[in-house]
Amino acid sequence: MTDDAQTMKLYLDDLELGQRFTSPSHVMELDEIREFAGRYDPQFFHLDEELARDSLFGKLAASGWHTAAITMRLLVQSLPLAGGLIGAGGEISWPRATWPGDRIHVESEVVSIAPSRSRPERGLVTFRSETINQKGEIVQVFTPRIVAWRK
């Protein structure tokens, strides 16, 4: 994101179907994966490399919720909506695991824009946000509905 994009604030009226946004990247470090899992998703396949070998993953994997949390940070850095990113629902899936050392980024596309009939100062915008690793593989798909303000 450029310096202009960091200071730019977009309103519902500025958005168009198909408009795309790309985040900076983030490396999923092993210590960070263990720390997050230890606090929020303490399952053996997120914490212990040896025990994880006998799991569905076959090796230590990041929690999907950790991937989601990093995705949220990357969305904040790449979707410059006026008023911030206020969620109004959505769907999430993890088609593949995120591994220690993965470099992930988020690519988002506007898929729906709906001005509110009862609240003319705002509306809802739906994004399809794909979290992608360094190999170009999608590790998470998030389809959030976000409150967007009008000018």
Protein backbone atom coordinates (compact mmCIF):
# COMPACT_ATOMS: atom_id res chain seq x y z
CA MET A 1 0.00 0.00 0.00
CA THR A 2 1.33 3.42 -0.88
CA ASP A 3 1.55 6.39 1.47
CA ASP A 4 -1.46 7.87 -0.37
CA ALA A 5 -3.45 4.68 0.26
CA GLN A 6 -2.60 4.80 3.97
CA THR A 7 -4.11 8.27 4.32
CA MET A 8 -6.95 7.74 1.83
CA LYS A 9 -10.33 7.03 3.38
CA LEU A 10 -12.95 5.38 1.20
CA TYR A 11 -16.70 5.74 1.56
CA LEU A 12 -19.47 3.50 0.24
CA ASP A 13 -19.86 5.90 -2.71
CA ASP A 14 -16.17 5.41 -3.64
CA LEU A 15 -16.43 1.63 -3.94
CA GLU A 16 -17.18 -0.31 -7.13
CA LEU A 17 -18.00 -3.96 -7.78
CA GLY A 18 -14.81 -5.81 -8.69
CA GLN A 19 -12.55 -3.23 -7.03
CA ARG A 20 -9.48 -4.99 -5.59
CA PHE A 21 -7.17 -4.36 -2.65
CA THR A 22 -3.91 -6.12 -1.74
CA SER A 23 -2.35 -6.14 1.72
CA PRO A 24 1.27 -6.18 2.76
CA SER A 25 2.60 -9.61 3.78
CA HIS A 26 3.24 -11.25 7.15
CA VAL A 27 5.54 -14.19 7.97
CA MET A 28 4.04 -16.78 10.33
CA GLU A 29 6.89 -17.38 12.77
CA LEU A 30 7.02 -20.61 14.81
CA ASP A 31 7.24 -18.78 18.16
CA GLU A 32 4.25 -16.60 17.25
CA ILE A 33 2.23 -19.69 16.22
CA ARG A 34 2.96 -21.42 19.54
CA GLU A 35 2.27 -18.28 21.58
CA PHE A 36 -1.11 -17.71 19.91
CA ALA A 37 -2.07 -21.38 20.24
CA GLY A 38 -0.98 -21.51 23.87
CA ARG A 39 -3.28 -18.61 24.68
CA TYR A 40 -6.26 -19.16 22.37
CA ASP A 41 -6.24 -22.60 20.69
CA PRO A 42 -4.14 -24.94 22.85
CA GLN A 43 -4.26 -28.06 20.72
CA PHE A 44 -1.25 -30.35 20.40
CA PHE A 45 -0.91 -29.92 16.62
CA HIS A 46 -0.41 -26.15 17.12
CA LEU A 47 2.02 -26.52 20.03
CA ASP A 48 4.23 -29.60 19.75
CA GLU A 49 6.09 -30.52 16.55
CA GLU A 50 6.64 -34.15 17.61
CA LEU A 51 3.02 -34.80 18.64
CA ALA A 52 1.75 -32.96 15.55
CA ARG A 53 3.32 -35.66 13.34
CA ASP A 54 0.49 -38.00 14.39
CA SER A 55 -2.23 -35.45 13.64
CA LEU A 56 -4.33 -34.85 10.54
CA PHE A 57 -1.76 -32.20 9.53
CA GLY A 58 1.33 -34.44 9.83
CA LYS A 59 3.33 -31.53 11.25
CA LEU A 60 2.83 -28.43 13.38
CA ALA A 61 0.27 -26.04 11.84
CA ALA A 62 -0.90 -22.56 12.77
CA SER A 63 -4.37 -22.26 14.27
CA GLY A 64 -6.98 -21.19 11.73
CA TRP A 65 -7.96 -18.52 14.25
CA HIS A 66 -4.38 -17.24 14.22
CA THR A 67 -4.55 -17.01 10.43
CA ALA A 68 -7.88 -15.18 10.84
CA ALA A 69 -6.39 -12.74 13.36
CA ILE A 70 -3.43 -11.94 11.10
CA THR A 71 -5.83 -11.63 8.16
CA MET A 72 -7.81 -9.05 10.13
CA ARG A 73 -4.67 -7.01 10.74
CA LEU A 74 -3.79 -7.19 7.05
CA LEU A 75 -7.33 -6.12 6.13
CA VAL A 76 -7.05 -3.08 8.40
CA GLN A 77 -3.80 -2.23 6.60
CA SER A 78 -5.28 -2.63 3.11
CA LEU A 79 -8.97 -1.62 3.23
CA PRO A 80 -8.96 2.10 4.05
CA LEU A 81 -12.66 2.49 4.84
CA ALA A 82 -13.75 5.69 6.56
CA GLY A 83 -14.91 4.78 10.06
CA GLY A 84 -12.87 1.57 10.17
CA LEU A 85 -13.79 -2.04 9.50
CA ILE A 86 -16.98 -2.73 11.42
CA GLY A 87 -18.19 -6.25 10.77
CA ALA A 88 -21.80 -7.18 10.19
CA GLY A 89 -21.33 -10.92 9.66
CA GLY A 90 -19.61 -13.11 7.14
CA GLU A 91 -18.27 -16.57 6.36
CA ILE A 92 -14.83 -18.09 6.82
CA SER A 93 -13.14 -21.26 5.58
CA TRP A 94 -9.64 -22.71 5.66
CA PRO A 95 -9.00 -24.77 2.51
CA ARG A 96 -5.44 -25.60 3.63
CA ALA A 97 -3.24 -25.16 6.67
CA THR A 98 -0.88 -22.28 7.36
CA TRP A 99 2.61 -23.50 8.30
CA PRO A 100 5.48 -21.97 10.24
CA GLY A 101 7.49 -19.81 7.85
CA ASP A 102 4.58 -19.13 5.48
CA ARG A 103 4.48 -15.58 4.13
CA ILE A 104 0.81 -14.64 3.80
CA HIS A 105 -0.98 -11.67 2.31
CA VAL A 106 -4.63 -10.85 1.60
CA GLU A 107 -6.28 -10.05 -1.71
CA SER A 108 -9.79 -8.59 -1.37
CA GLU A 109 -12.46 -7.86 -3.95
CA VAL A 110 -15.70 -5.91 -3.58
CA VAL A 111 -18.49 -8.40 -4.40
CA SER A 112 -21.58 -6.52 -3.19
CA ILE A 113 -22.55 -2.95 -2.31
CA ALA A 114 -25.87 -2.27 -0.60
CA PRO A 115 -26.84 1.22 0.55
CA SER A 116 -29.12 1.06 3.61
CA ARG A 117 -32.76 1.96 3.03
CA SER A 118 -33.39 2.85 6.67
CA ARG A 119 -30.04 4.52 7.44
CA PRO A 120 -29.06 6.76 4.54
CA GLU A 121 -25.68 7.62 6.10
CA ARG A 122 -24.35 4.10 5.57
CA GLY A 123 -24.61 0.76 3.84
CA LEU A 124 -23.00 -2.66 3.66
CA VAL A 125 -20.17 -3.77 1.44
CA THR A 126 -19.23 -7.43 1.07
CA PHE A 127 -15.67 -8.42 0.25
CA ARG A 128 -14.21 -11.75 -0.78
CA SER A 129 -10.84 -11.81 0.96
CA GLU A 130 -8.40 -14.59 0.15
CA THR A 131 -5.40 -15.12 2.40
CA ILE A 132 -2.64 -16.48 0.18
CA ASN A 133 0.74 -18.00 1.04
CA GLN A 134 4.07 -17.54 -0.77
CA LYS A 135 3.26 -20.44 -3.12
CA GLY A 136 0.05 -18.76 -4.31
CA GLU A 137 -2.10 -21.22 -2.34
CA ILE A 138 -5.25 -19.97 -0.63
CA VAL A 139 -5.10 -20.74 3.11
CA GLN A 140 -8.25 -18.85 4.12
CA VAL A 141 -11.32 -17.42 2.44
CA PHE A 142 -13.18 -14.75 4.39
CA THR A 143 -16.32 -13.08 3.07
CA PRO A 144 -17.05 -10.25 5.51
CA ARG A 145 -19.95 -7.82 5.35
CA ILE A 146 -18.63 -4.45 6.47
CA VAL A 147 -20.51 -1.31 7.48
CA ALA A 148 -19.44 1.48 5.12
CA TRP A 149 -20.26 5.15 5.59
CA ARG A 150 -21.58 7.42 2.86
CA LYS A 151 -20.14 10.86 2.14
